[in-house]
Protein backbone atom coordinates (compact mmCIF):
# COMPACT_ATOMS: atom_id res chain seq x y z
CA UNK A 1 15.34 -19.62 -103.55
CA UNK A 2 17.99 -17.45 -104.60
CA UNK A 3 18.35 -15.85 -101.18
CA UNK A 4 19.18 -18.61 -99.77
CA UNK A 5 21.91 -19.62 -102.43
CA UNK A 6 23.21 -16.01 -101.37
CA UNK A 7 23.55 -16.71 -97.44
CA UNK A 8 25.53 -19.65 -98.01
CA UNK A 9 27.48 -18.97 -100.50
CA UNK A 10 28.26 -15.75 -98.49
CA UNK A 11 28.62 -18.66 -94.95
CA UNK A 12 31.31 -20.06 -97.33
CA UNK A 13 33.60 -17.13 -97.66
CA UNK A 14 33.67 -16.79 -94.44
CA UNK A 15 34.03 -19.69 -93.59
CA UNK A 16 37.15 -19.93 -95.97
CA UNK A 17 38.26 -16.74 -95.01
CA UNK A 18 38.30 -18.15 -90.96
CA UNK A 19 39.92 -21.68 -91.97
CA UNK A 20 42.69 -19.54 -93.59
CA UNK A 21 42.84 -17.57 -90.86
CA UNK A 22 43.19 -20.80 -88.25
CA UNK A 23 45.87 -22.18 -90.78
CA UNK A 24 48.28 -19.35 -90.18
CA UNK A 25 47.76 -19.02 -86.46
CA UNK A 26 48.34 -22.91 -86.71
CA UNK A 27 51.85 -22.38 -88.66
CA UNK A 28 52.72 -19.52 -86.40
CA UNK A 29 52.50 -21.73 -83.45
CA UNK A 30 54.20 -24.54 -84.75
CA UNK A 31 56.89 -21.83 -85.29
CA UNK A 32 56.53 -21.20 -82.25
CA UNK A 33 56.98 -24.96 -80.58
CA UNK A 34 59.65 -25.24 -82.76
CA UNK A 35 62.01 -22.64 -81.40
CA UNK A 36 60.79 -23.31 -77.90
CA UNK A 37 61.47 -27.38 -78.33
CA UNK A 38 65.26 -25.47 -79.74
CA UNK A 39 65.86 -23.65 -76.54
CA UNK A 40 64.87 -26.58 -73.95
CA UNK A 41 67.66 -28.61 -75.73
CA UNK A 42 70.25 -25.75 -75.59
CA UNK A 43 69.29 -25.35 -71.90
CA UNK A 44 69.15 -28.71 -71.57
CA UNK A 45 73.10 -29.58 -73.27
CA UNK A 46 74.38 -26.31 -70.79
CA UNK A 47 73.02 -27.66 -67.70
CA UNK A 48 74.58 -31.21 -68.14
CA UNK A 49 76.13 -31.36 -64.23
CA UNK A 50 79.84 -32.25 -64.29
CA UNK A 51 78.70 -36.52 -62.94
CA UNK A 52 76.70 -36.65 -66.24
CA UNK A 53 79.79 -35.17 -68.36
CA UNK A 54 82.26 -37.65 -67.40
CA UNK A 55 83.93 -34.17 -65.85
CA UNK A 56 85.36 -34.14 -61.97
CA UNK A 57 85.92 -31.64 -60.17
CA UNK A 58 88.59 -32.99 -58.84
CA UNK A 59 89.98 -32.71 -62.31
CA UNK A 60 89.01 -29.08 -62.96
CA UNK A 61 91.89 -26.80 -61.93
CA UNK A 62 91.50 -23.63 -59.19
CA UNK A 63 90.60 -20.41 -60.35
CA UNK A 64 94.05 -19.06 -59.08
CA UNK A 65 96.20 -21.47 -60.66
């Protein structure tokens, strides 16, 4: 009976360690997701074309002026 309790205690400790590791991985992945979402938003803002920004190419001054 004592051996079974010891085995269960060992398994519990190992599962706790695994759970902590998985929580750290999830937290790190969430940070990466947040960072990637910021990058996507930034790129979407940069890729807005003249037709979407309300500006026209006719309003642009040529570079040689």
